[in-house]
Amino acid sequence: MEVEKALEKGFSEVDKSMVNGTVDCEFSGTTAVVGLLQESRLYMAWVGDSKGVLAKTGPSGNIEAVDLTVEHKPTLPAEKKRILNSNGRVERLVDETGSPIGPYRVWLQYAWIPGLAMSRALGDVLAHQVGVISEPELRAHDVTSEDVFLILASDGVWEFIDSQSAVDIIAQHSSVEDGCRQLVDEAYQRWLTEEEGVVDDITAVVVKFIHR
């Protein structure tokens, strides 16, 4: 429990330092994912839609992807309940014809702001007034000899690349550093193709497990 409490405290302190810092966080913030390895136990902590994905050797010898995190979308029942109880709204934007567009977002009760597409984040002061929180979700995983590497990446990586595809890209390379570079490059190229020049934040870390 001490590790979990330390991770929760770390997220809280980062959130406070952002809010009290020089950057205006009323409408700005970030998602985050953290992995902490203590002996053979891996602790995951995250807010928002950054993801942690484990690559492990499957029964057939193929490298398989296992999601260690769940994206904090405002439509998840527990997340939505908290937002509604905080006098917020979870709705999609509508266009001039009244048709819904884009993902479900978090709004103030009587205004179309802030429009955050996730239910947990660091910073985002206005969204925190209506149920968005900076408290991380926690999960523990016991590392075994079947576990090969861990991907920690921001949502820009995952927008057009699923977990198994990301693992496959990295597994092609003899070094995780080269694989990580290709993953970031591939995510960037897909953004250019799909969104006509618009690119979201793309950050990735790949950690190789060394078993003795």
N, C-alpha and C. Protein backbone atom coordinates (compact mmCIF):
# COMPACT_ATOMS: atom_id res chain seq x y z
N MET A 1 0.81 -1.22 0.00
CA MET A 1 0.00 0.00 0.00
C MET A 1 0.85 1.27 0.00
N GLU A 2 2.08 1.16 0.53
CA GLU A 2 2.93 2.35 0.59
C GLU A 2 3.26 2.85 -0.81
N VAL A 3 3.49 1.93 -1.75
CA VAL A 3 3.80 2.33 -3.12
C VAL A 3 2.61 3.04 -3.73
N GLU A 4 1.41 2.47 -3.56
CA GLU A 4 0.21 3.09 -4.12
C GLU A 4 0.00 4.49 -3.55
N LYS A 5 0.18 4.63 -2.24
CA LYS A 5 0.01 5.95 -1.61
C LYS A 5 1.05 6.95 -2.13
N ALA A 6 2.27 6.47 -2.34
CA ALA A 6 3.32 7.34 -2.87
C ALA A 6 2.99 7.81 -4.28
N LEU A 7 2.45 6.90 -5.11
CA LEU A 7 2.07 7.28 -6.47
C LEU A 7 0.92 8.29 -6.45
N GLU A 8 -0.07 8.06 -5.61
CA GLU A 8 -1.18 9.00 -5.49
C GLU A 8 -0.68 10.37 -5.03
N LYS A 9 0.23 10.38 -4.07
CA LYS A 9 0.78 11.64 -3.57
C LYS A 9 1.57 12.35 -4.67
N GLY A 10 2.33 11.57 -5.46
CA GLY A 10 3.10 12.17 -6.54
C GLY A 10 2.21 12.85 -7.57
N PHE A 11 1.13 12.20 -7.95
CA PHE A 11 0.20 12.81 -8.91
C PHE A 11 -0.42 14.07 -8.32
N SER A 12 -0.78 14.02 -7.03
CA SER A 12 -1.38 15.18 -6.38
C SER A 12 -0.41 16.36 -6.34
N GLU A 13 0.84 16.08 -6.04
CA GLU A 13 1.83 17.15 -5.95
C GLU A 13 2.12 17.76 -7.32
N VAL A 14 2.17 16.92 -8.36
CA VAL A 14 2.38 17.44 -9.72
C VAL A 14 1.20 18.32 -10.13
N ASP A 15 -0.01 17.86 -9.81
CA ASP A 15 -1.20 18.64 -10.14
C ASP A 15 -1.14 20.01 -9.46
N LYS A 16 -0.81 20.03 -8.17
CA LYS A 16 -0.75 21.31 -7.44
C LYS A 16 0.35 22.21 -7.99
N SER A 17 1.49 21.63 -8.35
CA SER A 17 2.59 22.45 -8.88
C SER A 17 2.23 23.05 -10.23
N MET A 18 1.46 22.31 -11.04
CA MET A 18 1.01 22.84 -12.32
C MET A 18 0.04 24.01 -12.11
N VAL A 19 -0.92 23.81 -11.22
CA VAL A 19 -1.94 24.83 -10.97
C VAL A 19 -1.31 26.10 -10.40
N ASN A 20 -0.30 25.93 -9.55
CA ASN A 20 0.34 27.07 -8.90
C ASN A 20 1.55 27.59 -9.67
N GLY A 21 1.81 27.03 -10.85
CA GLY A 21 2.97 27.44 -11.63
C GLY A 21 2.70 28.63 -12.53
N THR A 22 3.58 28.83 -13.49
CA THR A 22 3.50 30.01 -14.36
C THR A 22 2.60 29.81 -15.57
N VAL A 23 2.25 28.57 -15.87
CA VAL A 23 1.38 28.27 -17.00
C VAL A 23 -0.08 28.33 -16.56
N ASP A 24 -0.91 29.02 -17.32
CA ASP A 24 -2.33 29.12 -17.02
C ASP A 24 -2.99 27.77 -17.29
N CYS A 25 -3.47 27.11 -16.23
CA CYS A 25 -4.03 25.77 -16.37
C CYS A 25 -5.56 25.77 -16.29
N GLU A 26 -6.20 26.92 -16.46
CA GLU A 26 -7.66 26.94 -16.39
C GLU A 26 -8.26 26.03 -17.46
N PHE A 27 -7.69 26.09 -18.67
CA PHE A 27 -8.17 25.25 -19.76
C PHE A 27 -7.09 24.30 -20.27
N SER A 28 -5.96 24.24 -19.58
CA SER A 28 -4.83 23.42 -20.04
C SER A 28 -4.48 22.36 -19.00
N GLY A 29 -4.04 21.22 -19.50
CA GLY A 29 -3.65 20.14 -18.60
C GLY A 29 -2.98 19.03 -19.38
N THR A 30 -2.87 17.88 -18.75
CA THR A 30 -2.20 16.76 -19.41
C THR A 30 -2.68 15.44 -18.83
N THR A 31 -2.59 14.41 -19.64
CA THR A 31 -2.76 13.04 -19.15
C THR A 31 -1.40 12.54 -18.70
N ALA A 32 -1.36 11.39 -18.05
CA ALA A 32 -0.07 10.85 -17.59
C ALA A 32 -0.21 9.36 -17.33
N VAL A 33 0.88 8.63 -17.56
CA VAL A 33 0.95 7.23 -17.19
C VAL A 33 2.35 6.96 -16.63
N VAL A 34 2.38 6.22 -15.53
CA VAL A 34 3.64 5.95 -14.82
C VAL A 34 3.73 4.46 -14.53
N GLY A 35 4.92 3.91 -14.71
CA GLY A 35 5.19 2.54 -14.31
C GLY A 35 6.33 2.52 -13.30
N LEU A 36 6.13 1.84 -12.18
CA LEU A 36 7.16 1.74 -11.15
C LEU A 36 7.41 0.26 -10.87
N LEU A 37 8.64 -0.16 -11.12
CA LEU A 37 9.01 -1.57 -10.92
C LEU A 37 9.75 -1.73 -9.61
N GLN A 38 9.17 -2.53 -8.71
CA GLN A 38 9.80 -2.82 -7.42
C GLN A 38 9.99 -4.33 -7.32
N GLU A 39 11.25 -4.75 -7.46
CA GLU A 39 11.57 -6.17 -7.59
C GLU A 39 10.81 -6.72 -8.79
N SER A 40 9.92 -7.68 -8.60
CA SER A 40 9.22 -8.24 -9.76
C SER A 40 7.78 -7.74 -9.86
N ARG A 41 7.44 -6.72 -9.09
CA ARG A 41 6.07 -6.20 -9.10
C ARG A 41 6.06 -4.84 -9.79
N LEU A 42 5.22 -4.75 -10.82
CA LEU A 42 5.09 -3.52 -11.60
C LEU A 42 3.82 -2.80 -11.18
N TYR A 43 3.98 -1.56 -10.74
CA TYR A 43 2.84 -0.74 -10.35
C TYR A 43 2.56 0.28 -11.45
N MET A 44 1.32 0.34 -11.88
CA MET A 44 0.89 1.30 -12.89
C MET A 44 -0.01 2.35 -12.26
N ALA A 45 0.18 3.59 -12.66
CA ALA A 45 -0.68 4.68 -12.20
C ALA A 45 -0.92 5.60 -13.40
N TRP A 46 -2.17 6.02 -13.58
CA TRP A 46 -2.46 6.83 -14.76
C TRP A 46 -3.70 7.69 -14.59
N VAL A 47 -3.73 8.77 -15.35
CA VAL A 47 -4.93 9.60 -15.49
C VAL A 47 -5.11 9.90 -16.98
N GLY A 48 -6.38 9.88 -17.42
CA GLY A 48 -6.66 10.24 -18.81
C GLY A 48 -6.45 9.08 -19.76
N ASP A 49 -6.06 9.43 -21.00
CA ASP A 49 -5.97 8.42 -22.05
C ASP A 49 -4.55 8.12 -22.52
N SER A 50 -3.56 8.46 -21.71
CA SER A 50 -2.24 7.87 -21.93
C SER A 50 -2.33 6.40 -21.51
N LYS A 51 -1.56 5.53 -22.16
CA LYS A 51 -1.71 4.09 -21.94
C LYS A 51 -0.41 3.39 -21.60
N GLY A 52 -0.56 2.31 -20.84
CA GLY A 52 0.54 1.40 -20.60
C GLY A 52 0.20 0.05 -21.21
N VAL A 53 1.07 -0.47 -22.07
CA VAL A 53 0.81 -1.73 -22.75
C VAL A 53 2.00 -2.67 -22.53
N LEU A 54 1.69 -3.86 -22.09
CA LEU A 54 2.71 -4.88 -21.85
C LEU A 54 2.82 -5.79 -23.07
N ALA A 55 4.05 -6.10 -23.46
CA ALA A 55 4.30 -7.09 -24.51
C ALA A 55 4.80 -8.36 -23.85
N LYS A 56 4.11 -9.47 -24.12
CA LYS A 56 4.51 -10.73 -23.51
C LYS A 56 4.51 -11.85 -24.54
N THR A 57 5.28 -12.88 -24.28
CA THR A 57 5.32 -14.03 -25.16
C THR A 57 4.10 -14.91 -24.92
N GLY A 58 3.31 -15.14 -25.99
CA GLY A 58 2.11 -15.95 -25.88
C GLY A 58 2.41 -17.43 -26.01
N PRO A 59 1.39 -18.28 -25.86
CA PRO A 59 1.58 -19.74 -25.93
C PRO A 59 2.19 -20.22 -27.24
N SER A 60 1.90 -19.51 -28.33
CA SER A 60 2.41 -19.93 -29.63
C SER A 60 3.78 -19.33 -29.95
N GLY A 61 4.30 -18.52 -29.02
CA GLY A 61 5.60 -17.89 -29.23
C GLY A 61 5.52 -16.50 -29.81
N ASN A 62 4.33 -16.08 -30.21
CA ASN A 62 4.15 -14.71 -30.71
C ASN A 62 4.15 -13.71 -29.55
N ILE A 63 4.53 -12.47 -29.88
CA ILE A 63 4.51 -11.41 -28.89
C ILE A 63 3.11 -10.80 -28.86
N GLU A 64 2.46 -10.86 -27.71
CA GLU A 64 1.09 -10.39 -27.56
C GLU A 64 1.03 -9.12 -26.74
N ALA A 65 0.06 -8.27 -27.04
CA ALA A 65 -0.16 -7.02 -26.31
C ALA A 65 -1.19 -7.24 -25.22
N VAL A 66 -0.89 -6.68 -24.05
CA VAL A 66 -1.83 -6.72 -22.91
C VAL A 66 -1.95 -5.30 -22.37
N ASP A 67 -3.15 -4.74 -22.43
CA ASP A 67 -3.36 -3.40 -21.89
C ASP A 67 -3.32 -3.45 -20.36
N LEU A 68 -2.47 -2.62 -19.77
CA LEU A 68 -2.38 -2.54 -18.31
C LEU A 68 -3.17 -1.35 -17.77
N THR A 69 -3.69 -0.52 -18.66
CA THR A 69 -4.46 0.66 -18.25
C THR A 69 -5.78 0.70 -19.03
N VAL A 70 -6.71 1.48 -18.52
CA VAL A 70 -7.99 1.72 -19.17
C VAL A 70 -8.16 3.22 -19.34
N GLU A 71 -8.49 3.66 -20.54
CA GLU A 71 -8.63 5.09 -20.80
C GLU A 71 -9.78 5.67 -19.98
N HIS A 72 -9.53 6.82 -19.38
CA HIS A 72 -10.54 7.47 -18.56
C HIS A 72 -11.44 8.35 -19.43
N LYS A 73 -12.42 7.72 -20.02
CA LYS A 73 -13.40 8.43 -20.83
C LYS A 73 -14.58 8.85 -19.96
N PRO A 74 -15.18 10.00 -20.22
CA PRO A 74 -16.29 10.46 -19.37
C PRO A 74 -17.56 9.63 -19.51
N THR A 75 -17.60 8.71 -20.46
CA THR A 75 -18.77 7.85 -20.62
C THR A 75 -18.71 6.60 -19.75
N LEU A 76 -17.56 6.30 -19.14
CA LEU A 76 -17.49 5.16 -18.22
C LEU A 76 -18.46 5.41 -17.06
N PRO A 77 -19.24 4.42 -16.68
CA PRO A 77 -20.32 4.65 -15.69
C PRO A 77 -19.88 5.36 -14.41
N ALA A 78 -18.80 4.88 -13.79
CA ALA A 78 -18.36 5.49 -12.53
C ALA A 78 -17.84 6.91 -12.74
N GLU A 79 -17.15 7.13 -13.86
CA GLU A 79 -16.62 8.46 -14.16
C GLU A 79 -17.77 9.43 -14.45
N LYS A 80 -18.72 8.98 -15.26
CA LYS A 80 -19.87 9.83 -15.60
C LYS A 80 -20.68 10.18 -14.36
N LYS A 81 -20.88 9.21 -13.49
CA LYS A 81 -21.64 9.46 -12.26
C LYS A 81 -20.99 10.56 -11.43
N ARG A 82 -19.67 10.50 -11.29
CA ARG A 82 -18.95 11.52 -10.52
C ARG A 82 -19.11 12.90 -11.14
N ILE A 83 -19.03 12.98 -12.46
CA ILE A 83 -19.15 14.25 -13.17
C ILE A 83 -20.56 14.82 -13.01
N LEU A 84 -21.57 13.98 -13.19
CA LEU A 84 -22.95 14.44 -13.05
C LEU A 84 -23.24 14.87 -11.62
N ASN A 85 -22.69 14.15 -10.64
CA ASN A 85 -22.87 14.52 -9.23
C ASN A 85 -22.16 15.82 -8.88
N SER A 86 -21.20 16.21 -9.72
CA SER A 86 -20.47 17.48 -9.52
C SER A 86 -21.07 18.61 -10.34
N ASN A 87 -22.29 18.38 -10.85
CA ASN A 87 -23.01 19.40 -11.63
C ASN A 87 -22.39 19.65 -12.99
N GLY A 88 -21.75 18.63 -13.55
CA GLY A 88 -21.22 18.74 -14.90
C GLY A 88 -22.12 18.04 -15.89
N ARG A 89 -21.75 18.11 -17.17
CA ARG A 89 -22.48 17.43 -18.23
C ARG A 89 -21.51 16.58 -19.04
N VAL A 90 -22.02 15.48 -19.60
CA VAL A 90 -21.25 14.66 -20.52
C VAL A 90 -22.06 14.56 -21.81
N GLU A 91 -21.63 15.30 -22.82
CA GLU A 91 -22.36 15.36 -24.08
C GLU A 91 -21.39 15.52 -25.24
N ARG A 92 -21.88 15.23 -26.44
CA ARG A 92 -21.11 15.48 -27.65
C ARG A 92 -21.46 16.87 -28.18
N LEU A 93 -20.53 17.46 -28.89
CA LEU A 93 -20.83 18.71 -29.59
C LEU A 93 -21.83 18.43 -30.70
N VAL A 94 -22.54 19.46 -31.13
CA VAL A 94 -23.44 19.32 -32.26
C VAL A 94 -23.08 20.36 -33.32
N ASP A 95 -23.29 20.01 -34.59
CA ASP A 95 -23.01 20.96 -35.67
C ASP A 95 -24.23 21.83 -35.93
N GLU A 96 -24.16 22.64 -37.00
CA GLU A 96 -25.23 23.59 -37.29
C GLU A 96 -26.56 22.90 -37.62
N THR A 97 -26.50 21.63 -37.97
CA THR A 97 -27.75 20.91 -38.28
C THR A 97 -28.29 20.15 -37.07
N GLY A 98 -27.55 20.23 -35.96
CA GLY A 98 -27.98 19.52 -34.76
C GLY A 98 -27.46 18.11 -34.65
N SER A 99 -26.59 17.71 -35.57
CA SER A 99 -26.03 16.35 -35.55
C SER A 99 -24.82 16.29 -34.61
N PRO A 100 -24.71 15.26 -33.78
CA PRO A 100 -23.57 15.16 -32.87
C PRO A 100 -22.27 14.90 -33.62
N ILE A 101 -21.20 15.51 -33.14
CA ILE A 101 -19.88 15.33 -33.75
C ILE A 101 -18.84 15.10 -32.66
N GLY A 102 -17.82 14.35 -33.00
CA GLY A 102 -16.71 14.15 -32.09
C GLY A 102 -17.06 13.29 -30.89
N PRO A 103 -16.11 13.14 -29.96
CA PRO A 103 -16.32 12.29 -28.78
C PRO A 103 -17.17 12.98 -27.71
N TYR A 104 -17.61 12.21 -26.75
CA TYR A 104 -18.29 12.79 -25.58
C TYR A 104 -17.27 13.59 -24.78
N ARG A 105 -17.71 14.74 -24.28
CA ARG A 105 -16.83 15.64 -23.55
C ARG A 105 -17.48 16.13 -22.26
N VAL A 106 -16.65 16.67 -21.38
CA VAL A 106 -17.12 17.20 -20.10
C VAL A 106 -17.36 18.70 -20.23
N TRP A 107 -18.55 19.15 -19.81
CA TRP A 107 -18.94 20.56 -19.91
C TRP A 107 -19.48 21.06 -18.58
N LEU A 108 -19.41 22.38 -18.39
CA LEU A 108 -20.14 23.00 -17.30
C LEU A 108 -21.63 22.83 -17.55
N GLN A 109 -22.43 22.96 -16.51
CA GLN A 109 -23.86 22.71 -16.63
C GLN A 109 -24.53 23.65 -17.64
N TYR A 110 -24.12 24.92 -17.65
CA TYR A 110 -24.81 25.88 -18.49
C TYR A 110 -23.89 26.59 -19.49
N ALA A 111 -22.78 25.95 -19.82
CA ALA A 111 -21.86 26.56 -20.80
C ALA A 111 -21.12 25.45 -21.53
N TRP A 112 -20.78 25.73 -22.80
CA TRP A 112 -20.07 24.74 -23.62
C TRP A 112 -18.56 24.88 -23.43
N ILE A 113 -18.13 24.82 -22.18
CA ILE A 113 -16.73 24.80 -21.79
C ILE A 113 -16.61 23.84 -20.61
N PRO A 114 -15.48 23.22 -20.35
CA PRO A 114 -14.21 23.29 -21.08
C PRO A 114 -14.13 22.32 -22.26
N GLY A 115 -14.99 21.31 -22.32
CA GLY A 115 -14.97 20.39 -23.46
C GLY A 115 -13.87 19.35 -23.40
N LEU A 116 -13.53 18.89 -22.20
CA LEU A 116 -12.46 17.90 -22.05
C LEU A 116 -12.99 16.52 -22.41
N ALA A 117 -12.23 15.79 -23.23
CA ALA A 117 -12.68 14.47 -23.71
C ALA A 117 -12.22 13.34 -22.80
N MET A 118 -11.82 13.64 -21.58
CA MET A 118 -11.42 12.62 -20.62
C MET A 118 -11.92 13.04 -19.25
N SER A 119 -11.96 12.07 -18.33
CA SER A 119 -12.55 12.32 -17.02
C SER A 119 -11.51 12.48 -15.91
N ARG A 120 -10.24 12.28 -16.23
CA ARG A 120 -9.16 12.51 -15.26
C ARG A 120 -8.01 13.18 -15.99
N ALA A 121 -7.39 14.13 -15.31
CA ALA A 121 -6.28 14.87 -15.91
C ALA A 121 -5.55 15.65 -14.84
N LEU A 122 -4.31 16.00 -15.14
CA LEU A 122 -3.54 16.92 -14.30
C LEU A 122 -3.75 18.33 -14.85
N GLY A 123 -3.89 19.30 -13.94
CA GLY A 123 -4.20 20.66 -14.39
C GLY A 123 -5.68 20.79 -14.67
N ASP A 124 -6.02 21.46 -15.79
CA ASP A 124 -7.43 21.59 -16.21
C ASP A 124 -8.31 22.03 -15.05
N VAL A 125 -8.02 23.21 -14.52
CA VAL A 125 -8.68 23.72 -13.32
C VAL A 125 -10.19 23.82 -13.48
N LEU A 126 -10.65 24.35 -14.60
CA LEU A 126 -12.08 24.52 -14.79
C LEU A 126 -12.80 23.17 -14.81
N ALA A 127 -12.21 22.19 -15.49
CA ALA A 127 -12.82 20.87 -15.56
C ALA A 127 -12.88 20.20 -14.19
N HIS A 128 -11.93 20.53 -13.32
CA HIS A 128 -11.93 19.95 -11.98
C HIS A 128 -13.12 20.44 -11.15
N GLN A 129 -13.73 21.54 -11.55
CA GLN A 129 -14.89 22.05 -10.83
C GLN A 129 -16.13 21.20 -11.08
N VAL A 130 -16.10 20.39 -12.13
CA VAL A 130 -17.28 19.58 -12.48
C VAL A 130 -16.93 18.09 -12.56
N GLY A 131 -16.07 17.64 -11.66
CA GLY A 131 -15.88 16.20 -11.50
C GLY A 131 -14.68 15.56 -12.14
N VAL A 132 -13.94 16.29 -12.96
CA VAL A 132 -12.67 15.75 -13.47
C VAL A 132 -11.67 15.76 -12.33
N ILE A 133 -10.94 14.68 -12.15
CA ILE A 133 -10.03 14.56 -11.01
C ILE A 133 -8.62 14.22 -11.47
N SER A 134 -7.66 14.48 -10.59
CA SER A 134 -6.26 14.16 -10.88
C SER A 134 -5.80 12.91 -10.14
N GLU A 135 -6.71 12.27 -9.40
CA GLU A 135 -6.36 11.05 -8.69
C GLU A 135 -6.14 9.91 -9.68
N PRO A 136 -4.99 9.26 -9.63
CA PRO A 136 -4.72 8.21 -10.62
C PRO A 136 -5.45 6.92 -10.30
N GLU A 137 -5.71 6.13 -11.34
CA GLU A 137 -6.14 4.76 -11.14
C GLU A 137 -4.88 3.91 -11.02
N LEU A 138 -4.94 2.87 -10.19
CA LEU A 138 -3.76 2.08 -9.88
C LEU A 138 -3.99 0.61 -10.25
N ARG A 139 -2.91 -0.04 -10.66
CA ARG A 139 -2.96 -1.46 -10.95
C ARG A 139 -1.58 -2.06 -10.72
N ALA A 140 -1.55 -3.28 -10.22
CA ALA A 140 -0.27 -3.97 -10.00
C ALA A 140 -0.22 -5.22 -10.89
N HIS A 141 0.98 -5.49 -11.39
CA HIS A 141 1.20 -6.65 -12.26
C HIS A 141 2.49 -7.34 -11.84
N ASP A 142 2.42 -8.64 -11.65
CA ASP A 142 3.62 -9.41 -11.31
C ASP A 142 4.35 -9.81 -12.59
N VAL A 143 5.54 -9.30 -12.77
CA VAL A 143 6.33 -9.55 -13.97
C VAL A 143 6.85 -10.98 -13.97
N THR A 144 6.70 -11.65 -15.11
CA THR A 144 7.19 -13.02 -15.25
C THR A 144 8.19 -13.07 -16.41
N SER A 145 8.77 -14.23 -16.60
CA SER A 145 9.76 -14.41 -17.67
C SER A 145 9.13 -14.26 -19.05
N GLU A 146 7.81 -14.34 -19.14
CA GLU A 146 7.12 -14.18 -20.42
C GLU A 146 7.02 -12.71 -20.84
N ASP A 147 7.17 -11.79 -19.92
CA ASP A 147 7.03 -10.37 -20.21
C ASP A 147 8.29 -9.85 -20.90
N VAL A 148 8.11 -9.17 -22.03
CA VAL A 148 9.25 -8.78 -22.88
C VAL A 148 9.56 -7.29 -22.73
N PHE A 149 8.55 -6.45 -22.93
CA PHE A 149 8.77 -5.01 -22.76
C PHE A 149 7.47 -4.31 -22.42
N LEU A 150 7.61 -3.05 -21.98
CA LEU A 150 6.47 -2.23 -21.58
C LEU A 150 6.48 -0.94 -22.38
N ILE A 151 5.31 -0.57 -22.92
CA ILE A 151 5.16 0.70 -23.63
C ILE A 151 4.37 1.67 -22.75
N LEU A 152 4.92 2.86 -22.55
CA LEU A 152 4.20 3.96 -21.90
C LEU A 152 4.09 5.07 -22.93
N ALA A 153 2.88 5.46 -23.30
CA ALA A 153 2.75 6.42 -24.40
C ALA A 153 1.52 7.29 -24.25
N SER A 154 1.64 8.51 -24.77
CA SER A 154 0.53 9.47 -24.73
C SER A 154 -0.51 9.12 -25.78
N ASP A 155 -1.65 9.79 -25.68
CA ASP A 155 -2.80 9.44 -26.53
C ASP A 155 -2.53 9.65 -28.01
N GLY A 156 -1.61 10.53 -28.37
CA GLY A 156 -1.30 10.75 -29.78
C GLY A 156 -0.74 9.52 -30.46
N VAL A 157 -0.10 8.65 -29.70
CA VAL A 157 0.42 7.40 -30.25
C VAL A 157 -0.73 6.45 -30.58
N TRP A 158 -1.76 6.46 -29.71
CA TRP A 158 -2.80 5.44 -29.79
C TRP A 158 -3.99 5.84 -30.67
N GLU A 159 -4.01 7.05 -31.15
CA GLU A 159 -5.17 7.51 -31.93
C GLU A 159 -5.41 6.65 -33.17
N PHE A 160 -4.32 6.27 -33.85
CA PHE A 160 -4.46 5.49 -35.09
C PHE A 160 -3.68 4.18 -35.06
N ILE A 161 -3.14 3.83 -33.88
CA ILE A 161 -2.38 2.58 -33.73
C ILE A 161 -2.92 1.85 -32.52
N ASP A 162 -3.38 0.61 -32.71
CA ASP A 162 -3.88 -0.14 -31.56
C ASP A 162 -2.72 -0.81 -30.83
N SER A 163 -3.03 -1.39 -29.69
CA SER A 163 -1.98 -1.93 -28.81
C SER A 163 -1.16 -3.02 -29.49
N GLN A 164 -1.83 -3.97 -30.15
CA GLN A 164 -1.10 -5.06 -30.79
C GLN A 164 -0.21 -4.56 -31.92
N SER A 165 -0.70 -3.59 -32.68
CA SER A 165 0.11 -3.03 -33.77
C SER A 165 1.35 -2.34 -33.23
N ALA A 166 1.21 -1.64 -32.11
CA ALA A 166 2.36 -0.98 -31.49
C ALA A 166 3.40 -2.00 -31.04
N VAL A 167 2.93 -3.06 -30.43
CA VAL A 167 3.84 -4.13 -29.99
C VAL A 167 4.54 -4.77 -31.19
N ASP A 168 3.80 -5.00 -32.27
CA ASP A 168 4.39 -5.61 -33.47
C ASP A 168 5.47 -4.72 -34.06
N ILE A 169 5.23 -3.41 -34.08
CA ILE A 169 6.22 -2.47 -34.63
C ILE A 169 7.52 -2.56 -33.85
N ILE A 170 7.42 -2.56 -32.54
CA ILE A 170 8.62 -2.57 -31.70
C ILE A 170 9.32 -3.93 -31.76
N ALA A 171 8.54 -5.00 -31.79
CA ALA A 171 9.11 -6.36 -31.76
C ALA A 171 9.93 -6.68 -33.01
N GLN A 172 9.75 -5.92 -34.09
CA GLN A 172 10.52 -6.14 -35.31
C GLN A 172 11.99 -5.77 -35.14
N HIS A 173 12.30 -4.98 -34.13
CA HIS A 173 13.65 -4.43 -33.98
C HIS A 173 14.44 -5.17 -32.90
N SER A 174 15.74 -5.20 -33.08
CA SER A 174 16.61 -5.86 -32.10
C SER A 174 16.78 -5.02 -30.84
N SER A 175 16.57 -3.70 -30.96
CA SER A 175 16.66 -2.82 -29.79
C SER A 175 15.32 -2.11 -29.61
N VAL A 176 14.91 -1.95 -28.34
CA VAL A 176 13.64 -1.27 -28.08
C VAL A 176 13.75 0.22 -28.42
N GLU A 177 14.97 0.75 -28.38
CA GLU A 177 15.14 2.17 -28.75
C GLU A 177 14.78 2.39 -30.22
N ASP A 178 15.27 1.52 -31.09
CA ASP A 178 14.92 1.64 -32.51
C ASP A 178 13.42 1.41 -32.72
N GLY A 179 12.87 0.44 -31.99
CA GLY A 179 11.45 0.17 -32.10
C GLY A 179 10.60 1.34 -31.64
N CYS A 180 11.03 1.98 -30.57
CA CYS A 180 10.32 3.14 -30.05
C CYS A 180 10.33 4.28 -31.05
N ARG A 181 11.48 4.48 -31.69
CA ARG A 181 11.59 5.53 -32.71
C ARG A 181 10.63 5.27 -33.87
N GLN A 182 10.56 4.01 -34.30
CA GLN A 182 9.66 3.70 -35.41
C GLN A 182 8.20 3.88 -35.00
N LEU A 183 7.88 3.53 -33.77
CA LEU A 183 6.50 3.70 -33.29
C LEU A 183 6.10 5.17 -33.33
N VAL A 184 6.98 6.04 -32.85
CA VAL A 184 6.69 7.47 -32.86
C VAL A 184 6.59 7.99 -34.30
N ASP A 185 7.51 7.57 -35.15
CA ASP A 185 7.48 7.99 -36.55
C ASP A 185 6.20 7.54 -37.25
N GLU A 186 5.80 6.30 -36.97
CA GLU A 186 4.58 5.76 -37.59
C GLU A 186 3.34 6.52 -37.12
N ALA A 187 3.30 6.81 -35.82
CA ALA A 187 2.17 7.57 -35.28
C ALA A 187 2.10 8.95 -35.93
N TYR A 188 3.26 9.58 -36.10
CA TYR A 188 3.32 10.91 -36.72
C TYR A 188 2.81 10.87 -38.17
N GLN A 189 3.26 9.90 -38.92
CA GLN A 189 2.84 9.78 -40.32
C GLN A 189 1.35 9.51 -40.44
N ARG A 190 0.81 8.72 -39.54
CA ARG A 190 -0.63 8.44 -39.61
C ARG A 190 -1.45 9.67 -39.27
N TRP A 191 -0.97 10.49 -38.37
CA TRP A 191 -1.66 11.75 -38.09
C TRP A 191 -1.68 12.64 -39.33
N LEU A 192 -0.54 12.73 -40.00
CA LEU A 192 -0.47 13.57 -41.21
C LEU A 192 -1.44 13.08 -42.27
N THR A 193 -1.55 11.75 -42.39
CA THR A 193 -2.42 11.17 -43.40
C THR A 193 -3.90 11.32 -43.04
N GLU A 194 -4.23 11.04 -41.80
CA GLU A 194 -5.63 11.02 -41.39
C GLU A 194 -6.20 12.40 -41.11
N GLU A 195 -5.38 13.32 -40.63
CA GLU A 195 -5.88 14.61 -40.17
C GLU A 195 -5.35 15.79 -40.98
N GLU A 196 -4.79 15.51 -42.14
CA GLU A 196 -4.37 16.56 -43.07
C GLU A 196 -3.46 17.61 -42.42
N GLY A 197 -2.42 17.11 -41.75
CA GLY A 197 -1.41 18.02 -41.21
C GLY A 197 -1.51 18.31 -39.74
N VAL A 198 -2.64 17.98 -39.12
CA VAL A 198 -2.79 18.18 -37.67
C VAL A 198 -2.18 16.99 -36.94
N VAL A 199 -1.36 17.27 -35.93
CA VAL A 199 -0.70 16.20 -35.18
C VAL A 199 -0.87 16.45 -33.68
N ASP A 200 -1.36 15.45 -32.97
CA ASP A 200 -1.52 15.55 -31.52
C ASP A 200 -0.19 15.21 -30.85
N ASP A 201 -0.18 15.32 -29.51
CA ASP A 201 1.06 15.04 -28.77
C ASP A 201 1.44 13.57 -28.91
N ILE A 202 2.69 13.31 -29.26
CA ILE A 202 3.19 11.95 -29.46
C ILE A 202 4.44 11.77 -28.60
N THR A 203 4.28 11.00 -27.53
CA THR A 203 5.40 10.72 -26.63
C THR A 203 5.36 9.25 -26.26
N ALA A 204 6.49 8.58 -26.31
CA ALA A 204 6.53 7.16 -25.99
C ALA A 204 7.83 6.79 -25.28
N VAL A 205 7.71 5.88 -24.33
CA VAL A 205 8.86 5.28 -23.65
C VAL A 205 8.67 3.77 -23.72
N VAL A 206 9.73 3.05 -24.07
CA VAL A 206 9.67 1.59 -24.11
C VAL A 206 10.74 1.04 -23.16
N VAL A 207 10.30 0.18 -22.26
CA VAL A 207 11.20 -0.39 -21.24
C VAL A 207 11.33 -1.89 -21.48
N LYS A 208 12.55 -2.36 -21.67
CA LYS A 208 12.79 -3.79 -21.87
C LYS A 208 13.04 -4.47 -20.54
N PHE A 209 12.38 -5.61 -20.33
CA PHE A 209 12.61 -6.39 -19.11
C PHE A 209 13.80 -7.32 -19.32
N ILE A 210 14.73 -7.27 -18.37
CA ILE A 210 15.89 -8.14 -18.40
C ILE A 210 15.71 -9.17 -17.29
N HIS A 211 15.58 -10.43 -17.66
CA HIS A 211 15.31 -11.49 -16.68
C HIS A 211 16.61 -12.23 -16.36
N ARG A 212 16.81 -12.44 -15.09
CA ARG A 212 18.02 -13.16 -14.65
C ARG A 212 17.64 -14.45 -13.96
